[in-house]
Amino acid sequence: MSTKSEEGDSKHPVKAAVYTGIAYIITVVALVAPFIFIENVLVALGLMLIMALTIIALFNYYYAVAWGESFKSVFWKWLYSGYIGGYQFPHRLRP
């Protein structure tokens, strides 16, 4: 996304790929950590869900600032899309 929006000869796809890979690793470690350090699975699941929402909110904030959009608008679009997808997916699995 970042290299697509850049103009001119300043594109660095390898650098963008390295940043993306590092971000993925940090995200996975953050989401798995509660299950490693907390014995109660339900507490770990709750903490993981809170962390996931926080990570998504931070990404949406970055996206909103980078593209000059309203954070509230971007976050509500994501929330609405996630709700529709989450609601429709189980219904599509039924024969």
Protein backbone atom coordinates (compact mmCIF):
# COMPACT_ATOMS: atom_id res chain seq x y z
CA MET A 1 0.00 0.00 0.00
CA SER A 2 2.74 2.45 0.91
CA THR A 3 4.85 1.79 -2.19
CA LYS A 4 1.79 1.99 -4.46
CA SER A 5 0.93 5.50 -3.28
CA GLU A 6 4.43 6.91 -3.63
CA GLU A 7 5.19 8.95 -6.72
CA GLY A 8 8.42 9.06 -8.67
CA ASP A 9 11.46 6.82 -8.26
CA SER A 10 11.39 6.72 -4.46
CA LYS A 11 9.77 3.26 -4.22
CA HIS A 12 11.56 0.71 -2.02
CA PRO A 13 9.60 -2.55 -2.09
CA VAL A 14 12.22 -4.53 -0.16
CA LYS A 15 12.27 -1.96 2.63
CA ALA A 16 8.45 -2.00 2.72
CA ALA A 17 8.47 -5.81 2.83
CA VAL A 18 10.92 -5.84 5.75
CA TYR A 19 8.80 -3.33 7.69
CA THR A 20 5.68 -5.39 6.98
CA GLY A 21 7.38 -8.61 8.11
CA ILE A 22 8.57 -7.00 11.36
CA ALA A 23 5.07 -5.63 12.00
CA TYR A 24 3.58 -9.11 11.46
CA ILE A 25 6.03 -10.74 13.85
CA ILE A 26 5.38 -8.12 16.55
CA THR A 27 1.63 -8.55 16.10
CA VAL A 28 1.76 -12.34 16.34
CA VAL A 29 3.96 -12.22 19.45
CA ALA A 30 1.61 -9.69 21.07
CA LEU A 31 -1.48 -11.79 20.32
CA VAL A 32 0.06 -15.09 21.47
CA ALA A 33 1.74 -13.72 24.62
CA PRO A 34 -1.36 -13.81 26.85
CA PHE A 35 -1.73 -17.55 26.25
CA ILE A 36 1.89 -18.13 27.21
CA PHE A 37 1.87 -16.07 30.41
CA ILE A 38 -1.71 -16.51 31.70
CA GLU A 39 -2.99 -19.92 32.78
CA ASN A 40 -6.70 -19.07 32.61
CA VAL A 41 -7.63 -19.49 28.94
CA LEU A 42 -10.69 -17.22 29.11
CA VAL A 43 -8.72 -14.36 30.66
CA ALA A 44 -6.00 -14.83 28.03
CA LEU A 45 -8.63 -14.85 25.27
CA GLY A 46 -10.20 -11.65 26.59
CA LEU A 47 -6.82 -9.93 26.80
CA MET A 48 -5.94 -11.12 23.30
CA LEU A 49 -9.19 -9.71 21.91
CA ILE A 50 -8.55 -6.35 23.60
CA MET A 51 -5.03 -6.31 22.18
CA ALA A 52 -6.34 -7.19 18.70
CA LEU A 53 -8.85 -4.32 18.80
CA THR A 54 -6.11 -1.97 20.00
CA ILE A 55 -3.78 -3.03 17.17
CA ILE A 56 -6.57 -2.56 14.63
CA ALA A 57 -7.41 0.87 16.06
CA LEU A 58 -3.75 1.91 15.85
CA PHE A 59 -3.53 0.75 12.23
CA ASN A 60 -6.74 2.60 11.38
CA TYR A 61 -5.37 5.73 13.05
CA TYR A 62 -2.18 5.47 10.98
CA TYR A 63 -4.23 4.93 7.82
CA ALA A 64 -6.52 7.88 8.60
CA VAL A 65 -3.59 10.22 9.23
CA ALA A 66 -1.65 9.01 6.17
CA TRP A 67 -4.62 9.45 3.82
CA GLY A 68 -6.04 12.56 5.49
CA GLU A 69 -9.32 10.94 6.49
CA SER A 70 -11.26 11.06 9.74
CA PHE A 71 -10.17 8.35 12.20
CA LYS A 72 -13.74 7.96 13.41
CA SER A 73 -14.98 7.39 9.86
CA VAL A 74 -12.27 4.85 9.04
CA PHE A 75 -12.73 2.96 12.31
CA TRP A 76 -16.53 2.78 11.96
CA LYS A 77 -16.18 1.52 8.38
CA TRP A 78 -13.88 -1.23 9.62
CA LEU A 79 -16.16 -2.06 12.54
CA TYR A 80 -19.22 -2.24 10.29
CA SER A 81 -17.38 -4.40 7.72
CA GLY A 82 -16.14 -6.71 10.47
CA TYR A 83 -19.63 -7.03 11.91
CA ILE A 84 -21.18 -7.88 8.53
CA GLY A 85 -18.39 -10.36 7.74
CA GLY A 86 -18.60 -11.95 11.17
CA TYR A 87 -22.37 -12.24 10.90
CA GLN A 88 -22.45 -13.63 7.36
CA PHE A 89 -19.57 -16.10 7.57
CA PRO A 90 -21.23 -18.69 9.86
CA HIS A 91 -24.43 -18.54 7.80
CA ARG A 92 -22.51 -19.36 4.62
CA LEU A 93 -21.14 -22.56 6.18
CA ARG A 94 -24.59 -24.10 6.56
CA PRO A 95 -25.72 -26.33 3.67
